[in-house]
């Protein structure tokens, strides 16, 4: 099984700030070229428009997982994950991501 970090994908493909359709089309094109029959995509979709566009223009996924946890658990996991990550985010950015996730 392959995995894909959506934020990193957008950055690597210079898609940051592009409209949802452009971003999702690039994701679909990337997924078509994957050898692995299953791909885990982290942090996707970022909004409802991306989800709808993906479902309309791609093969319907067999399984979709949405993991929800308490605010404390979410914050603990994000801090733990970012501690050893080369993509470490300052706490203010983490707090914003956690707040957005829980909204």
C-alpha atoms as a PDB file:
ATOM      1  CA  UNK A   1       0.000   0.000   0.000  1.00  0.00           C
ATOM      2  CA  UNK A   2       1.304   3.420  -0.904  1.00  0.00           C
ATOM      3  CA  UNK A   3       0.741   6.578   1.102  1.00  0.00           C
ATOM      4  CA  UNK A   4       0.610  10.187   0.048  1.00  0.00           C
ATOM      5  CA  UNK A   5       0.788  13.307   2.204  1.00  0.00           C
ATOM      6  CA  UNK A   6      -1.532  15.730   0.416  1.00  0.00           C
ATOM      7  CA  UNK A   7       0.158  18.907   1.716  1.00  0.00           C
ATOM      8  CA  UNK A   8       3.578  17.682   0.547  1.00  0.00           C
ATOM      9  CA  UNK A   9       2.132  16.585  -2.790  1.00  0.00           C
ATOM     10  CA  UNK A  10       0.719  20.073  -3.405  1.00  0.00           C
ATOM     11  CA  UNK A  11       4.030  21.687  -2.463  1.00  0.00           C
ATOM     12  CA  UNK A  12       6.141  19.373  -4.630  1.00  0.00           C
ATOM     13  CA  UNK A  13       3.864  19.863  -7.643  1.00  0.00           C
ATOM     14  CA  UNK A  14       3.700  23.673  -7.158  1.00  0.00           C
ATOM     15  CA  UNK A  15      -0.051  23.496  -6.565  1.00  0.00           C
ATOM     16  CA  UNK A  16      -0.198  25.596  -3.404  1.00  0.00           C
ATOM     17  CA  UNK A  17      -2.727  28.377  -3.908  1.00  0.00           C
ATOM     18  CA  UNK A  18      -4.214  26.819  -7.059  1.00  0.00           C
ATOM     19  CA  UNK A  19      -7.960  26.282  -7.417  1.00  0.00           C
ATOM     20  CA  UNK A  20      -9.543  23.049  -6.166  1.00  0.00           C
ATOM     21  CA  UNK A  21     -10.166  21.597  -9.647  1.00  0.00           C
ATOM     22  CA  UNK A  22      -6.522  22.043 -10.703  1.00  0.00           C
ATOM     23  CA  UNK A  23      -5.277  20.464  -7.477  1.00  0.00           C
ATOM     24  CA  UNK A  24      -7.664  17.498  -7.624  1.00  0.00           C
ATOM     25  CA  UNK A  25      -6.968  16.913 -11.336  1.00  0.00           C
ATOM     26  CA  UNK A  26      -3.246  16.743 -10.548  1.00  0.00           C
ATOM     27  CA  UNK A  27      -3.971  14.295  -7.716  1.00  0.00           C
ATOM     28  CA  UNK A  28      -6.089  12.095  -9.975  1.00  0.00           C
ATOM     29  CA  UNK A  29      -3.387  12.120 -12.668  1.00  0.00           C
ATOM     30  CA  UNK A  30      -0.834  11.118 -10.034  1.00  0.00           C
ATOM     31  CA  UNK A  31      -3.031   8.308  -8.687  1.00  0.00           C
ATOM     32  CA  UNK A  32      -3.615   6.880 -12.169  1.00  0.00           C
ATOM     33  CA  UNK A  33       0.132   6.309 -12.463  1.00  0.00           C
ATOM     34  CA  UNK A  34       0.448   4.507  -9.125  1.00  0.00           C
ATOM     35  CA  UNK A  35       1.396   0.850  -9.236  1.00  0.00           C
ATOM     36  CA  UNK A  36      -0.055   0.123  -5.786  1.00  0.00           C
ATOM     37  CA  UNK A  37      -3.725  -0.825  -5.933  1.00  0.00           C
ATOM     38  CA  UNK A  38      -4.351   1.029  -2.686  1.00  0.00           C
ATOM     39  CA  UNK A  39      -3.245   4.491  -1.705  1.00  0.00           C
ATOM     40  CA  UNK A  40      -3.722   6.175   1.644  1.00  0.00           C
ATOM     41  CA  UNK A  41      -4.050   9.939   1.205  1.00  0.00           C
ATOM     42  CA  UNK A  42      -3.441  11.969   4.345  1.00  0.00           C
ATOM     43  CA  UNK A  43      -5.115  15.372   4.831  1.00  0.00           C
ATOM     44  CA  UNK A  44      -7.342  15.048   1.769  1.00  0.00           C
ATOM     45  CA  UNK A  45      -9.835  16.491   1.053  1.00  0.00           C
ATOM     46  CA  UNK A  46      -9.254  19.905   2.539  1.00  0.00           C
ATOM     47  CA  UNK A  47     -12.813  20.977   1.816  1.00  0.00           C
ATOM     48  CA  UNK A  48     -16.120  19.707   0.478  1.00  0.00           C
ATOM     49  CA  UNK A  49     -15.507  21.041  -3.037  1.00  0.00           C
ATOM     50  CA  UNK A  50     -12.395  18.887  -3.388  1.00  0.00           C
ATOM     51  CA  UNK A  51     -14.237  15.817  -2.134  1.00  0.00           C
ATOM     52  CA  UNK A  52     -17.137  16.294  -4.562  1.00  0.00           C
ATOM     53  CA  UNK A  53     -14.848  16.980  -7.517  1.00  0.00           C
ATOM     54  CA  UNK A  54     -12.754  13.915  -6.708  1.00  0.00           C
ATOM     55  CA  UNK A  55     -15.817  11.659  -6.437  1.00  0.00           C
ATOM     56  CA  UNK A  56     -17.225  13.026  -9.700  1.00  0.00           C
ATOM     57  CA  UNK A  57     -14.002  12.641 -11.711  1.00  0.00           C
ATOM     58  CA  UNK A  58     -12.321   9.571 -10.287  1.00  0.00           C
ATOM     59  CA  UNK A  59     -13.124   5.950  -9.590  1.00  0.00           C
ATOM     60  CA  UNK A  60     -15.210   5.814  -6.452  1.00  0.00           C
ATOM     61  CA  UNK A  61     -13.052   4.638  -3.558  1.00  0.00           C
ATOM     62  CA  UNK A  62     -13.951   1.312  -1.982  1.00  0.00           C
ATOM     63  CA  UNK A  63     -13.261   2.609   1.513  1.00  0.00           C
ATOM     64  CA  UNK A  64     -13.011   6.042   3.032  1.00  0.00           C
ATOM     65  CA  UNK A  65     -11.738   6.451   6.566  1.00  0.00           C
ATOM     66  CA  UNK A  66     -12.333   9.519   8.640  1.00  0.00           C
ATOM     67  CA  UNK A  67     -10.594   9.475  11.964  1.00  0.00           C
ATOM     68  CA  UNK A  68     -11.945  11.762  14.630  1.00  0.00           C
ATOM     69  CA  UNK A  69     -10.559  12.183  18.113  1.00  0.00           C
ATOM     70  CA  UNK A  70     -10.834  14.602  20.998  1.00  0.00           C
ATOM     71  CA  UNK A  71      -9.097  17.956  20.819  1.00  0.00           C
ATOM     72  CA  UNK A  72      -6.572  16.861  23.479  1.00  0.00           C
ATOM     73  CA  UNK A  73      -5.773  13.603  21.687  1.00  0.00           C
ATOM     74  CA  UNK A  74      -5.491  15.398  18.352  1.00  0.00           C
ATOM     75  CA  UNK A  75      -3.109  17.985  19.760  1.00  0.00           C
ATOM     76  CA  UNK A  76      -1.013  15.342  21.510  1.00  0.00           C
ATOM     77  CA  UNK A  77      -0.697  13.294  18.314  1.00  0.00           C
ATOM     78  CA  UNK A  78       0.184  16.291  16.159  1.00  0.00           C
ATOM     79  CA  UNK A  79       2.824  17.487  18.617  1.00  0.00           C
ATOM     80  CA  UNK A  80       4.291  13.989  18.905  1.00  0.00           C
ATOM     81  CA  UNK A  81       4.350  13.520  15.135  1.00  0.00           C
ATOM     82  CA  UNK A  82       5.907  16.891  14.428  1.00  0.00           C
ATOM     83  CA  UNK A  83       8.610  16.502  17.062  1.00  0.00           C
ATOM     84  CA  UNK A  84      10.699  14.183  14.891  1.00  0.00           C
ATOM     85  CA  UNK A  85       9.544  15.512  11.539  1.00  0.00           C
ATOM     86  CA  UNK A  86      11.647  17.524   9.117  1.00  0.00           C
ATOM     87  CA  UNK A  87       8.413  19.432   8.420  1.00  0.00           C
ATOM     88  CA  UNK A  88       8.098  20.636  12.030  1.00  0.00           C
ATOM     89  CA  UNK A  89       5.442  23.301  12.467  1.00  0.00           C
ATOM     90  CA  UNK A  90       5.550  25.952  15.188  1.00  0.00           C
ATOM     91  CA  UNK A  91       2.859  25.595  17.850  1.00  0.00           C
ATOM     92  CA  UNK A  92       0.800  28.531  16.516  1.00  0.00           C
ATOM     93  CA  UNK A  93       0.427  26.799  13.141  1.00  0.00           C
ATOM     94  CA  UNK A  94      -0.325  23.484  14.845  1.00  0.00           C
ATOM     95  CA  UNK A  95      -2.984  25.156  16.969  1.00  0.00           C
ATOM     96  CA  UNK A  96      -4.610  26.591  13.843  1.00  0.00           C
ATOM     97  CA  UNK A  97      -4.550  23.179  12.099  1.00  0.00           C
ATOM     98  CA  UNK A  98      -6.066  21.514  15.148  1.00  0.00           C
ATOM     99  CA  UNK A  99      -8.784  24.177  15.402  1.00  0.00           C
ATOM    100  CA  UNK A 100      -9.588  23.860  11.679  1.00  0.00           C
ATOM    101  CA  UNK A 101      -9.722  20.068  11.958  1.00  0.00           C
ATOM    102  CA  UNK A 102     -12.130  20.164  14.874  1.00  0.00           C
ATOM    103  CA  UNK A 103     -14.396  22.706  13.196  1.00  0.00           C
END
